C-alpha atoms as a PDB file:
ATOM      1  CA  MET A   1       7.842  10.122  34.912  1.00  0.00           C
ATOM      2  CA  GLN A   2       5.760   7.269  33.559  1.00  0.00           C
ATOM      3  CA  GLU A   3       7.393   4.669  31.307  1.00  0.00           C
ATOM      4  CA  GLN A   4       6.141   4.716  27.708  1.00  0.00           C
ATOM      5  CA  LYS A   5       4.091   1.659  26.739  1.00  0.00           C
ATOM      6  CA  TYR A   6       3.951   0.155  23.274  1.00  0.00           C
ATOM      7  CA  ASP A   7       1.718  -2.145  21.275  1.00  0.00           C
ATOM      8  CA  GLU A   8       4.213  -5.009  21.262  1.00  0.00           C
ATOM      9  CA  GLN A   9       2.916  -6.574  18.032  1.00  0.00           C
ATOM     10  CA  LYS A  10       3.304  -3.296  16.105  1.00  0.00           C
ATOM     11  CA  ARG A  11       6.713  -2.694  17.674  1.00  0.00           C
ATOM     12  CA  LYS A  12       7.951  -6.165  16.715  1.00  0.00           C
ATOM     13  CA  THR A  13       6.617  -5.757  13.167  1.00  0.00           C
ATOM     14  CA  ALA A  14       8.387  -2.388  12.849  1.00  0.00           C
ATOM     15  CA  GLY A  15      11.673  -3.980  13.901  1.00  0.00           C
ATOM     16  CA  THR A  16      11.280  -6.880  11.483  1.00  0.00           C
ATOM     17  CA  LYS A  17      10.484  -4.586   8.557  1.00  0.00           C
ATOM     18  CA  ALA A  18      13.427  -2.305   9.398  1.00  0.00           C
ATOM     19  CA  THR A  19      15.787  -5.279   9.581  1.00  0.00           C
ATOM     20  CA  LEU A  20      14.700  -6.592   6.183  1.00  0.00           C
ATOM     21  CA  ARG A  21      15.013  -3.137   4.630  1.00  0.00           C
ATOM     22  CA  ALA A  22      18.498  -2.744   6.123  1.00  0.00           C
ATOM     23  CA  VAL A  23      19.530  -6.083   4.617  1.00  0.00           C
ATOM     24  CA  VAL A  24      18.316  -4.926   1.187  1.00  0.00           C
ATOM     25  CA  ALA A  25      20.205  -1.625   1.546  1.00  0.00           C
ATOM     26  CA  GLY A  26      23.340  -3.515   2.546  1.00  0.00           C
ATOM     27  CA  TYR A  27      22.986  -5.806  -0.449  1.00  0.00           C
ATOM     28  CA  PHE A  28      22.700  -2.802  -2.790  1.00  0.00           C
ATOM     29  CA  ILE A  29      25.920  -1.415  -1.305  1.00  0.00           C
ATOM     30  CA  PHE A  30      27.579  -4.790  -1.870  1.00  0.00           C
ATOM     31  CA  LEU A  31      26.375  -4.877  -5.490  1.00  0.00           C
ATOM     32  CA  GLY A  32      27.634  -1.341  -6.117  1.00  0.00           C
ATOM     33  CA  TYR A  33      31.020  -2.206  -4.657  1.00  0.00           C
ATOM     34  CA  LYS A  34      31.268  -5.382  -6.748  1.00  0.00           C
ATOM     35  CA  ILE A  35      30.385  -3.464  -9.930  1.00  0.00           C
ATOM     36  CA  ILE A  36      33.049  -0.840  -9.212  1.00  0.00           C
ATOM     37  CA  THR A  37      35.787  -3.324  -8.323  1.00  0.00           C
ATOM     38  CA  ASN A  38      35.099  -5.926 -11.038  1.00  0.00           C
ATOM     39  CA  LYS A  39      38.223  -6.108 -13.225  1.00  0.00           C
ATOM     40  CA  GLU A  40      36.938  -8.828 -15.583  1.00  0.00           C
ATOM     41  CA  THR A  41      34.251  -6.859 -17.379  1.00  0.00           C
ATOM     42  CA  THR A  42      33.790  -5.434 -20.853  1.00  0.00           C
ATOM     43  CA  MET A  43      32.240  -2.331 -19.319  1.00  0.00           C
ATOM     44  CA  SER A  44      34.367   0.824 -19.265  1.00  0.00           C
ATOM     45  CA  HIS A  45      35.729   1.922 -15.895  1.00  0.00           C
ATOM     46  CA  THR A  46      33.736   5.149 -16.053  1.00  0.00           C
ATOM     47  CA  THR A  47      30.498   3.272 -16.643  1.00  0.00           C
ATOM     48  CA  ALA A  48      31.304   0.826 -13.839  1.00  0.00           C
ATOM     49  CA  TYR A  49      31.995   3.671 -11.397  1.00  0.00           C
ATOM     50  CA  LEU A  50      28.826   5.471 -12.455  1.00  0.00           C
ATOM     51  CA  LEU A  51      26.628   2.381 -12.203  1.00  0.00           C
ATOM     52  CA  GLY A  52      28.195   1.289  -8.909  1.00  0.00           C
ATOM     53  CA  GLY A  53      27.805   4.811  -7.544  1.00  0.00           C
ATOM     54  CA  ILE A  54      24.127   4.808  -8.487  1.00  0.00           C
ATOM     55  CA  PHE A  55      23.635   1.526  -6.606  1.00  0.00           C
ATOM     56  CA  ILE A  56      25.441   2.875  -3.536  1.00  0.00           C
ATOM     57  CA  ALA A  57      23.534   6.178  -3.627  1.00  0.00           C
ATOM     58  CA  ALA A  58      20.244   4.291  -3.927  1.00  0.00           C
ATOM     59  CA  ALA A  59      21.253   2.113  -0.975  1.00  0.00           C
ATOM     60  CA  LEU A  60      22.063   5.143   1.164  1.00  0.00           C
ATOM     61  CA  GLY A  61      18.743   6.748   0.252  1.00  0.00           C
ATOM     62  CA  PHE A  62      16.924   3.526   1.067  1.00  0.00           C
ATOM     63  CA  GLY A  63      18.832   3.340   4.365  1.00  0.00           C
ATOM     64  CA  ILE A  64      17.673   6.839   5.298  1.00  0.00           C
ATOM     65  CA  TYR A  65      14.109   5.879   4.350  1.00  0.00           C
ATOM     66  CA  THR A  66      14.434   2.747   6.507  1.00  0.00           C
ATOM     67  CA  ILE A  67      15.430   4.760   9.574  1.00  0.00           C
ATOM     68  CA  MET A  68      12.685   7.347   9.051  1.00  0.00           C
ATOM     69  CA  LYS A  69      10.018   4.670   8.482  1.00  0.00           C
ATOM     70  CA  TRP A  70      11.187   2.689  11.537  1.00  0.00           C
ATOM     71  CA  ARG A  71      10.938   5.793  13.735  1.00  0.00           C
ATOM     72  CA  SER A  72       7.482   6.523  12.342  1.00  0.00           C
ATOM     73  CA  ASP A  73       6.330   2.948  12.965  1.00  0.00           C
ATOM     74  CA  ILE A  74       7.647   3.061  16.549  1.00  0.00           C
ATOM     75  CA  GLU A  75       5.777   6.320  17.157  1.00  0.00           C
ATOM     76  CA  GLU A  76       2.596   4.707  15.831  1.00  0.00           C
ATOM     77  CA  SER A  77       3.061   1.743  18.169  1.00  0.00           C
ATOM     78  CA  LYS A  78       3.089   3.951  21.283  1.00  0.00           C
ATOM     79  CA  LEU A  79      -0.023   3.592  23.364  1.00  0.00           C
ATOM     80  CA  THR A  80      -1.883   6.627  24.639  1.00  0.00           C
ATOM     81  CA  ASP A  81      -2.455   6.916  28.387  1.00  0.00           C
ATOM     82  CA  ASP A  82      -6.029   5.650  27.956  1.00  0.00           C
ATOM     83  CA  GLN A  83      -4.946   2.664  25.878  1.00  0.00           C
ATOM     84  CA  ALA A  84      -2.149   1.838  28.335  1.00  0.00           C
ATOM     85  CA  ALA A  85      -4.594   1.936  31.249  1.00  0.00           C
ATOM     86  CA  VAL A  86      -6.988  -0.400  29.429  1.00  0.00           C
ATOM     87  CA  SER A  87      -4.187  -2.827  28.532  1.00  0.00           C
ATOM     88  CA  ASP A  88      -3.019  -2.885  32.175  1.00  0.00           C
ATOM     89  CA  ASN A  89      -6.502  -3.881  33.315  1.00  0.00           C
ATOM     90  CA  GLU A  90      -7.091  -6.611  30.716  1.00  0.00           C
ATOM     91  CA  PRO A  91      -6.519 -10.193  31.873  1.00  0.00           C
ATOM     92  CA  GLU A  92      -4.163 -12.357  29.846  1.00  0.00           C
ATOM     93  CA  VAL A  93      -6.013 -14.413  27.240  1.00  0.00           C
ATOM     94  CA  GLU A  94      -5.193 -18.100  26.864  1.00  0.00           C
ATOM     95  CA  ASN A  95      -4.389 -19.535  23.434  1.00  0.00           C
ATOM     96  CA  ASP A  96      -6.954 -21.716  21.711  1.00  0.00           C
ATOM     97  CA  ASP A  97      -4.764 -24.759  22.244  1.00  0.00           C
ATOM     98  CA  GLY A  98      -5.066 -24.413  26.016  1.00  0.00           C
ATOM     99  CA  GLU A  99      -1.614 -23.036  26.761  1.00  0.00           C
END
């Protein structure tokens, strides 16, 4: 079986975007936890639990979106057999600065 080839630029971009989205989702979870556990607030405990729960639920939803979008981006970065054959035959291009 032939190894799957990827457009490396698209694959790297997909990973970077997924990492940033995961950091945002993690931060929302942190904020929700801090809202729920904050003892020095004038907010009622019920309101704090509700608001914190909303933050955590939003973070989990965003986390699921992050995974689905990352998988979609990886699928889009796969090269077809024709594209892979062309990329195998292309010579490496030097940078403009001569490297």
